[in-house]
């Protein structure tokens, strides 16, 4: 049996990356007005603006 601590975003660094991506300018676009290709490009841009400092807080 293995003991696991309770869930905490502090221990899950990917949550900080997702937060930075959600707060980026590129994700504030109205996605319903964009084509599938434009949505994909917007998400890629949001992904690439995340820095290591965003991930580590």
Protein backbone atom coordinates (compact mmCIF):
# COMPACT_ATOMS: atom_id res chain seq x y z
CA UNK A 1 0.00 0.00 0.00
CA UNK A 2 1.32 3.42 -0.92
CA UNK A 3 0.42 6.66 0.83
CA UNK A 4 -0.42 9.56 -1.48
CA UNK A 5 -0.84 13.12 -0.19
CA UNK A 6 -4.09 14.97 -0.91
CA UNK A 7 -4.31 16.65 -4.30
CA UNK A 8 -2.75 20.08 -4.44
CA UNK A 9 -1.97 22.24 -7.49
CA UNK A 10 1.24 23.19 -5.66
CA UNK A 11 2.49 19.66 -6.21
CA UNK A 12 1.23 19.44 -9.79
CA UNK A 13 3.28 21.91 -11.83
CA UNK A 14 1.29 21.34 -15.02
CA UNK A 15 -1.64 23.14 -13.35
CA UNK A 16 0.44 26.33 -13.22
CA UNK A 17 1.23 25.97 -16.93
CA UNK A 18 -2.46 25.55 -17.75
CA UNK A 19 -3.26 28.63 -15.65
CA UNK A 20 -0.69 30.69 -17.55
CA UNK A 21 -2.12 29.43 -20.83
CA UNK A 22 -5.71 30.25 -19.81
CA UNK A 23 -4.72 33.78 -18.78
CA UNK A 24 -2.84 34.48 -22.02
CA UNK A 25 -4.08 37.00 -24.52
CA UNK A 26 -4.48 34.37 -27.21
CA UNK A 27 -7.09 32.40 -25.31
CA UNK A 28 -9.28 35.44 -24.76
CA UNK A 29 -10.44 35.33 -28.37
CA UNK A 30 -14.02 34.37 -29.07
CA UNK A 31 -13.37 30.80 -30.17
CA UNK A 32 -16.81 30.46 -31.74
CA UNK A 33 -15.88 33.04 -34.37
CA UNK A 34 -12.69 31.25 -35.43
CA UNK A 35 -12.15 28.38 -37.83
CA UNK A 36 -10.71 25.10 -36.55
CA UNK A 37 -7.31 26.04 -37.94
CA UNK A 38 -7.37 29.45 -36.22
CA UNK A 39 -8.31 27.83 -32.91
CA UNK A 40 -5.43 25.36 -33.24
CA UNK A 41 -2.99 28.18 -34.02
CA UNK A 42 -4.28 30.26 -31.09
CA UNK A 43 -3.80 27.37 -28.68
CA UNK A 44 -0.28 26.74 -29.98
CA UNK A 45 0.61 30.41 -29.51
CA UNK A 46 -0.76 30.33 -25.97
CA UNK A 47 1.30 27.23 -25.27
CA UNK A 48 4.51 28.83 -26.50
CA UNK A 49 4.15 31.98 -24.38
CA UNK A 50 4.48 29.90 -21.18
CA UNK A 51 7.91 30.31 -19.63
CA UNK A 52 9.64 28.12 -17.04
CA UNK A 53 8.97 30.88 -14.50
CA UNK A 54 5.22 30.51 -15.14
CA UNK A 55 5.46 26.82 -14.39
CA UNK A 56 7.46 27.21 -11.19
CA UNK A 57 5.36 30.11 -9.90
